[in-house]
């Protein structure tokens, strides 16, 4: 997916994300919108398609589940939460088998570095943890260079994060 202002010779930026209730997808789309004015951008939902293994600039985002990245069990729990009408949650369509945690195990390469972001419940980080920190740690262990510190975007569960 490229924007009208993207330059053909500019490094590609791949924004790979996982979203269960739509919050992380909205942030990934906003990042793509801003970056697309300057670079070639691909927006990839890791649950629905397998991203390439080599990237120019890599931006990775995921929701924070139980202090870290989602796991198969926490994705199953999210599906149960969505069935509870009192929670007012709508589960995104797509596979629940693969998330960012599993994708990172395929050893993606970021030629020009990476950045990580997450969405989480609006509570102090000490109580929620951070998927962005987990993403950053895992990619750095695989030799990727971080271009920006991890970014956490607190919001209410099932609600888009507030604009800053």
Foldseek 3Di string as FASTA:
>chain_A
DADPQADPPFFEEEEEEEDWQCQQVVVSVVVCVVCRNYHGYDYHDVQADQDDQEGAEYEYEYAFDPQAHDDLVVLVVSVVCCVPVVNVTDTDDGHSHDHPVVNVVVPRAHNNAYEYEYEYAPDPCVVGHGHRVVNVVSNVVSPGHHPDRYYYFYDHVSDHGDDD
